[in-house]
Amino acid sequence: MKTTVDIPDRELEDAVRFTKARTKREAVVGAIADFNRRMRMAELAGYAGTCENLMTPEELQAQRRGA
């Protein structure tokens, strides 16, 4: 999808430098992909401790000793 965006030159230069991108497009796409990955991980982390059916570490160790 083509989109026109006004990105401050300094920010774009930093994005190109930090991502070691060969093109401005590559830097922007890489930055968006990294942002999305971080947001997915943050969303997933929000589920930590919400499953009641998982074994505790102690239960797992006891099961391993019994096997």
PDB file of N, CA and C in Angstrom:
ATOM      1  N   MET A   1       0.845  -1.160   0.000  1.00  0.00           N
ATOM      2  CA  MET A   1       0.000   0.000   0.000  1.00  0.00           C
ATOM      3  C   MET A   1       0.894   1.227   0.000  1.00  0.00           C
ATOM      4  N   LYS A   2       0.616   2.141  -0.856  1.00  0.00           N
ATOM      5  CA  LYS A   2       1.378   3.384  -0.912  1.00  0.00           C
ATOM      6  C   LYS A   2       0.764   4.381   0.050  1.00  0.00           C
ATOM      7  N   THR A   3       1.640   5.031   0.815  1.00  0.00           N
ATOM      8  CA  THR A   3       1.207   6.026   1.774  1.00  0.00           C
ATOM      9  C   THR A   3       2.234   7.145   1.784  1.00  0.00           C
ATOM     10  N   THR A   4       1.775   8.352   1.851  1.00  0.00           N
ATOM     11  CA  THR A   4       2.680   9.488   1.953  1.00  0.00           C
ATOM     12  C   THR A   4       2.701   9.928   3.406  1.00  0.00           C
ATOM     13  N   VAL A   5       3.916   9.978   3.975  1.00  0.00           N
ATOM     14  CA  VAL A   5       4.073  10.347   5.376  1.00  0.00           C
ATOM     15  C   VAL A   5       5.212  11.354   5.480  1.00  0.00           C
ATOM     16  N   ASP A   6       5.006  12.396   6.256  1.00  0.00           N
ATOM     17  CA  ASP A   6       6.055  13.386   6.492  1.00  0.00           C
ATOM     18  C   ASP A   6       6.807  12.974   7.755  1.00  0.00           C
ATOM     19  N   ILE A   7       7.999  12.409   7.577  1.00  0.00           N
ATOM     20  CA  ILE A   7       8.822  11.949   8.690  1.00  0.00           C
ATOM     21  C   ILE A   7       9.966  12.941   8.861  1.00  0.00           C
ATOM     22  N   PRO A   8      10.177  13.433  10.078  1.00  0.00           N
ATOM     23  CA  PRO A   8      11.292  14.364  10.294  1.00  0.00           C
ATOM     24  C   PRO A   8      12.620  13.745   9.834  1.00  0.00           C
ATOM     25  N   ASP A   9      13.420  14.529   9.124  1.00  0.00           N
ATOM     26  CA  ASP A   9      14.680  14.028   8.555  1.00  0.00           C
ATOM     27  C   ASP A   9      15.577  13.379   9.601  1.00  0.00           C
ATOM     28  N   ARG A  10      15.721  14.014  10.737  1.00  0.00           N
ATOM     29  CA  ARG A  10      16.609  13.484  11.793  1.00  0.00           C
ATOM     30  C   ARG A  10      16.153  12.103  12.256  1.00  0.00           C
ATOM     31  N   GLU A  11      14.853  11.933  12.450  1.00  0.00           N
ATOM     32  CA  GLU A  11      14.319  10.650  12.899  1.00  0.00           C
ATOM     33  C   GLU A  11      14.543   9.566  11.848  1.00  0.00           C
ATOM     34  N   LEU A  12      14.333   9.913  10.603  1.00  0.00           N
ATOM     35  CA  LEU A  12      14.519   8.951   9.530  1.00  0.00           C
ATOM     36  C   LEU A  12      15.989   8.579   9.382  1.00  0.00           C
ATOM     37  N   GLU A  13      16.871   9.563   9.497  1.00  0.00           N
ATOM     38  CA  GLU A  13      18.306   9.287   9.430  1.00  0.00           C
ATOM     39  C   GLU A  13      18.726   8.343  10.552  1.00  0.00           C
ATOM     40  N   ASP A  14      18.218   8.583  11.757  1.00  0.00           N
ATOM     41  CA  ASP A  14      18.529   7.696  12.882  1.00  0.00           C
ATOM     42  C   ASP A  14      17.997   6.290  12.640  1.00  0.00           C
ATOM     43  N   ALA A  15      16.791   6.187  12.115  1.00  0.00           N
ATOM     44  CA  ALA A  15      16.208   4.872  11.839  1.00  0.00           C
ATOM     45  C   ALA A  15      17.056   4.104  10.828  1.00  0.00           C
ATOM     46  N   VAL A  16      17.509   4.798   9.796  1.00  0.00           N
ATOM     47  CA  VAL A  16      18.366   4.152   8.785  1.00  0.00           C
ATOM     48  C   VAL A  16      19.674   3.700   9.437  1.00  0.00           C
ATOM     49  N   ARG A  17      20.250   4.556  10.266  1.00  0.00           N
ATOM     50  CA  ARG A  17      21.529   4.236  10.916  1.00  0.00           C
ATOM     51  C   ARG A  17      21.377   3.077  11.898  1.00  0.00           C
ATOM     52  N   PHE A  18      20.364   3.122  12.751  1.00  0.00           N
ATOM     53  CA  PHE A  18      20.191   2.087  13.767  1.00  0.00           C
ATOM     54  C   PHE A  18      19.828   0.734  13.172  1.00  0.00           C
ATOM     55  N   THR A  19      19.040   0.740  12.108  1.00  0.00           N
ATOM     56  CA  THR A  19      18.621  -0.533  11.508  1.00  0.00           C
ATOM     57  C   THR A  19      19.614  -1.037  10.475  1.00  0.00           C
ATOM     58  N   LYS A  20      20.597  -0.187  10.135  1.00  0.00           N
ATOM     59  CA  LYS A  20      21.571  -0.540   9.092  1.00  0.00           C
ATOM     60  C   LYS A  20      20.867  -0.869   7.774  1.00  0.00           C
ATOM     61  N   ALA A  21      19.770  -0.174   7.539  1.00  0.00           N
ATOM     62  CA  ALA A  21      18.980  -0.376   6.332  1.00  0.00           C
ATOM     63  C   ALA A  21      19.706   0.220   5.131  1.00  0.00           C
ATOM     64  N   ARG A  22      19.442  -0.366   3.980  1.00  0.00           N
ATOM     65  CA  ARG A  22      20.046   0.154   2.754  1.00  0.00           C
ATOM     66  C   ARG A  22      19.196   1.260   2.141  1.00  0.00           C
ATOM     67  N   THR A  23      17.902   1.279   2.480  1.00  0.00           N
ATOM     68  CA  THR A  23      17.002   2.292   1.928  1.00  0.00           C
ATOM     69  C   THR A  23      16.132   2.863   3.045  1.00  0.00           C
ATOM     70  N   LYS A  24      15.538   4.018   2.758  1.00  0.00           N
ATOM     71  CA  LYS A  24      14.618   4.613   3.727  1.00  0.00           C
ATOM     72  C   LYS A  24      13.410   3.707   3.938  1.00  0.00           C
ATOM     73  N   ARG A  25      12.927   3.136   2.838  1.00  0.00           N
ATOM     74  CA  ARG A  25      11.769   2.242   2.924  1.00  0.00           C
ATOM     75  C   ARG A  25      12.074   1.048   3.825  1.00  0.00           C
ATOM     76  N   GLU A  26      13.253   0.477   3.638  1.00  0.00           N
ATOM     77  CA  GLU A  26      13.649  -0.674   4.449  1.00  0.00           C
ATOM     78  C   GLU A  26      13.708  -0.291   5.932  1.00  0.00           C
ATOM     79  N   ALA A  27      14.196   0.910   6.224  1.00  0.00           N
ATOM     80  CA  ALA A  27      14.265   1.371   7.611  1.00  0.00           C
ATOM     81  C   ALA A  27      12.877   1.536   8.207  1.00  0.00           C
ATOM     82  N   VAL A  28      11.963   2.128   7.459  1.00  0.00           N
ATOM     83  CA  VAL A  28      10.600   2.344   7.965  1.00  0.00           C
ATOM     84  C   VAL A  28       9.882   1.016   8.165  1.00  0.00           C
ATOM     85  N   VAL A  29       9.978   0.134   7.191  1.00  0.00           N
ATOM     86  CA  VAL A  29       9.318  -1.172   7.313  1.00  0.00           C
ATOM     87  C   VAL A  29       9.907  -1.946   8.490  1.00  0.00           C
ATOM     88  N   GLY A  30      11.230  -1.899   8.643  1.00  0.00           N
ATOM     89  CA  GLY A  30      11.870  -2.584   9.768  1.00  0.00           C
ATOM     90  C   GLY A  30      11.434  -2.023  11.109  1.00  0.00           C
ATOM     91  N   ALA A  31      11.328  -0.700  11.189  1.00  0.00           N
ATOM     92  CA  ALA A  31      10.902  -0.065  12.442  1.00  0.00           C
ATOM     93  C   ALA A  31       9.461  -0.432  12.783  1.00  0.00           C
ATOM     94  N   ILE A  32       8.605  -0.464  11.777  1.00  0.00           N
ATOM     95  CA  ILE A  32       7.206  -0.835  12.012  1.00  0.00           C
ATOM     96  C   ILE A  32       7.110  -2.299  12.434  1.00  0.00           C
ATOM     97  N   ALA A  33       7.862  -3.168  11.770  1.00  0.00           N
ATOM     98  CA  ALA A  33       7.847  -4.600  12.120  1.00  0.00           C
ATOM     99  C   ALA A  33       8.344  -4.802  13.544  1.00  0.00           C
ATOM    100  N   ASP A  34       9.402  -4.091  13.936  1.00  0.00           N
ATOM    101  CA  ASP A  34       9.931  -4.207  15.293  1.00  0.00           C
ATOM    102  C   ASP A  34       8.910  -3.700  16.311  1.00  0.00           C
ATOM    103  N   PHE A  35       8.278  -2.581  16.011  1.00  0.00           N
ATOM    104  CA  PHE A  35       7.250  -2.048  16.908  1.00  0.00           C
ATOM    105  C   PHE A  35       6.116  -3.057  17.091  1.00  0.00           C
ATOM    106  N   ASN A  36       5.648  -3.631  15.984  1.00  0.00           N
ATOM    107  CA  ASN A  36       4.553  -4.603  16.057  1.00  0.00           C
ATOM    108  C   ASN A  36       4.964  -5.837  16.857  1.00  0.00           C
ATOM    109  N   ARG A  37       6.199  -6.300  16.672  1.00  0.00           N
ATOM    110  CA  ARG A  37       6.688  -7.454  17.431  1.00  0.00           C
ATOM    111  C   ARG A  37       6.697  -7.146  18.923  1.00  0.00           C
ATOM    112  N   ARG A  38       7.171  -5.966  19.281  1.00  0.00           N
ATOM    113  CA  ARG A  38       7.209  -5.581  20.698  1.00  0.00           C
ATOM    114  C   ARG A  38       5.800  -5.482  21.291  1.00  0.00           C
ATOM    115  N   MET A  39       4.862  -4.956  20.523  1.00  0.00           N
ATOM    116  CA  MET A  39       3.490  -4.831  21.019  1.00  0.00           C
ATOM    117  C   MET A  39       2.842  -6.207  21.186  1.00  0.00           C
ATOM    118  N   ARG A  40       3.122  -7.135  20.239  1.00  0.00           N
ATOM    119  CA  ARG A  40       2.587  -8.493  20.386  1.00  0.00           C
ATOM    120  C   ARG A  40       3.137  -9.159  21.641  1.00  0.00           C
ATOM    121  N   MET A  41       4.442  -8.978  21.890  1.00  0.00           N
ATOM    122  CA  MET A  41       5.061  -9.569  23.082  1.00  0.00           C
ATOM    123  C   MET A  41       4.474  -8.959  24.355  1.00  0.00           C
ATOM    124  N   ALA A  42       4.247  -7.656  24.357  1.00  0.00           N
ATOM    125  CA  ALA A  42       3.655  -6.997  25.529  1.00  0.00           C
ATOM    126  C   ALA A  42       2.243  -7.514  25.768  1.00  0.00           C
ATOM    127  N   GLU A  43       1.502  -7.691  24.682  1.00  0.00           N
ATOM    128  CA  GLU A  43       0.143  -8.218  24.805  1.00  0.00           C
ATOM    129  C   GLU A  43       0.172  -9.643  25.359  1.00  0.00           C
ATOM    130  N   LEU A  44       1.098 -10.444  24.862  1.00  0.00           N
ATOM    131  CA  LEU A  44       1.234 -11.820  25.334  1.00  0.00           C
ATOM    132  C   LEU A  44       1.643 -11.854  26.806  1.00  0.00           C
ATOM    133  N   ALA A  45       2.523 -10.975  27.203  1.00  0.00           N
ATOM    134  CA  ALA A  45       2.970 -10.923  28.599  1.00  0.00           C
ATOM    135  C   ALA A  45       1.810 -10.604  29.537  1.00  0.00           C
ATOM    136  N   GLY A  46       0.810  -9.927  29.029  1.00  0.00           N
ATOM    137  CA  GLY A  46      -0.365  -9.621  29.846  1.00  0.00           C
ATOM    138  C   GLY A  46      -1.143 -10.856  30.261  1.00  0.00           C
ATOM    139  N   TYR A  47      -0.923 -11.969  29.576  1.00  0.00           N
ATOM    140  CA  TYR A  47      -1.600 -13.209  29.914  1.00  0.00           C
ATOM    141  C   TYR A  47      -0.840 -14.025  30.964  1.00  0.00           C
ATOM    142  N   ALA A  48       0.357 -13.584  31.331  1.00  0.00           N
ATOM    143  CA  ALA A  48       1.166 -14.322  32.306  1.00  0.00           C
ATOM    144  C   ALA A  48       0.401 -14.502  33.611  1.00  0.00           C
ATOM    145  N   GLY A  49       0.375 -15.728  34.069  1.00  0.00           N
ATOM    146  CA  GLY A  49      -0.276 -16.042  35.341  1.00  0.00           C
ATOM    147  C   GLY A  49      -1.782 -16.146  35.280  1.00  0.00           C
ATOM    148  N   THR A  50      -2.368 -16.158  34.098  1.00  0.00           N
ATOM    149  CA  THR A  50      -3.822 -16.188  34.002  1.00  0.00           C
ATOM    150  C   THR A  50      -4.387 -17.590  33.771  1.00  0.00           C
ATOM    151  N   CYS A  51      -3.521 -18.581  33.554  1.00  0.00           N
ATOM    152  CA  CYS A  51      -3.994 -19.947  33.330  1.00  0.00           C
ATOM    153  C   CYS A  51      -3.954 -20.707  34.652  1.00  0.00           C
ATOM    154  N   GLU A  52      -5.102 -21.161  35.111  1.00  0.00           N
ATOM    155  CA  GLU A  52      -5.187 -21.820  36.406  1.00  0.00           C
ATOM    156  C   GLU A  52      -4.858 -23.306  36.330  1.00  0.00           C
ATOM    157  N   ASN A  53      -4.785 -23.883  35.135  1.00  0.00           N
ATOM    158  CA  ASN A  53      -4.593 -25.325  34.996  1.00  0.00           C
ATOM    159  C   ASN A  53      -3.140 -25.750  34.831  1.00  0.00           C
ATOM    160  N   LEU A  54      -2.203 -24.831  34.918  1.00  0.00           N
ATOM    161  CA  LEU A  54      -0.800 -25.181  34.776  1.00  0.00           C
ATOM    162  C   LEU A  54      -0.230 -25.684  36.093  1.00  0.00           C
ATOM    163  N   MET A  55       0.754 -26.578  36.003  1.00  0.00           N
ATOM    164  CA  MET A  55       1.424 -27.078  37.197  1.00  0.00           C
ATOM    165  C   MET A  55       2.319 -25.995  37.780  1.00  0.00           C
ATOM    166  N   THR A  56       2.498 -26.053  39.081  1.00  0.00           N
ATOM    167  CA  THR A  56       3.479 -25.190  39.725  1.00  0.00           C
ATOM    168  C   THR A  56       4.848 -25.821  39.499  1.00  0.00           C
ATOM    169  N   PRO A  57       5.912 -25.056  39.642  1.00  0.00           N
ATOM    170  CA  PRO A  57       7.251 -25.655  39.508  1.00  0.00           C
ATOM    171  C   PRO A  57       7.472 -26.811  40.481  1.00  0.00           C
ATOM    172  N   GLU A  58       6.908 -26.705  41.668  1.00  0.00           N
ATOM    173  CA  GLU A  58       7.059 -27.765  42.660  1.00  0.00           C
ATOM    174  C   GLU A  58       6.345 -29.042  42.209  1.00  0.00           C
ATOM    175  N   GLU A  59       5.145 -28.903  41.666  1.00  0.00           N
ATOM    176  CA  GLU A  59       4.399 -30.068  41.146  1.00  0.00           C
ATOM    177  C   GLU A  59       5.140 -30.732  40.002  1.00  0.00           C
ATOM    178  N   LEU A  60       5.737 -29.934  39.142  1.00  0.00           N
ATOM    179  CA  LEU A  60       6.501 -30.472  38.026  1.00  0.00           C
ATOM    180  C   LEU A  60       7.719 -31.245  38.517  1.00  0.00           C
ATOM    181  N   GLN A  61       8.437 -30.698  39.488  1.00  0.00           N
ATOM    182  CA  GLN A  61       9.599 -31.377  40.049  1.00  0.00           C
ATOM    183  C   GLN A  61       9.193 -32.701  40.713  1.00  0.00           C
ATOM    184  N   ALA A  62       8.082 -32.689  41.444  1.00  0.00           N
ATOM    185  CA  ALA A  62       7.603 -33.919  42.094  1.00  0.00           C
ATOM    186  C   ALA A  62       7.249 -34.960  41.048  1.00  0.00           C
ATOM    187  N   GLN A  63       6.627 -34.562  39.971  1.00  0.00           N
ATOM    188  CA  GLN A  63       6.269 -35.501  38.911  1.00  0.00           C
ATOM    189  C   GLN A  63       7.528 -36.056  38.247  1.00  0.00           C
ATOM    190  N   ARG A  64       8.523 -35.228  38.043  1.00  0.00           N
ATOM    191  CA  ARG A  64       9.768 -35.689  37.417  1.00  0.00           C
ATOM    192  C   ARG A  64      10.488 -36.690  38.316  1.00  0.00           C
ATOM    193  N   ARG A  65      10.474 -36.472  39.626  1.00  0.00           N
ATOM    194  CA  ARG A  65      11.127 -37.404  40.551  1.00  0.00           C
ATOM    195  C   ARG A  65      10.402 -38.751  40.584  1.00  0.00           C
ATOM    196  N   GLY A  66       9.092 -38.716  40.408  1.00  0.00           N
ATOM    197  CA  GLY A  66       8.300 -39.936  40.458  1.00  0.00           C
ATOM    198  C   GLY A  66       8.390 -40.757  39.194  1.00  0.00           C
ATOM    199  N   ALA A  67       8.840 -40.197  38.102  1.00  0.00           N
ATOM    200  CA  ALA A  67       8.881 -40.896  36.813  1.00  0.00           C
ATOM    201  C   ALA A  67      10.078 -41.750  36.634  1.00  0.00           C
TER     202      ALA A  67
END
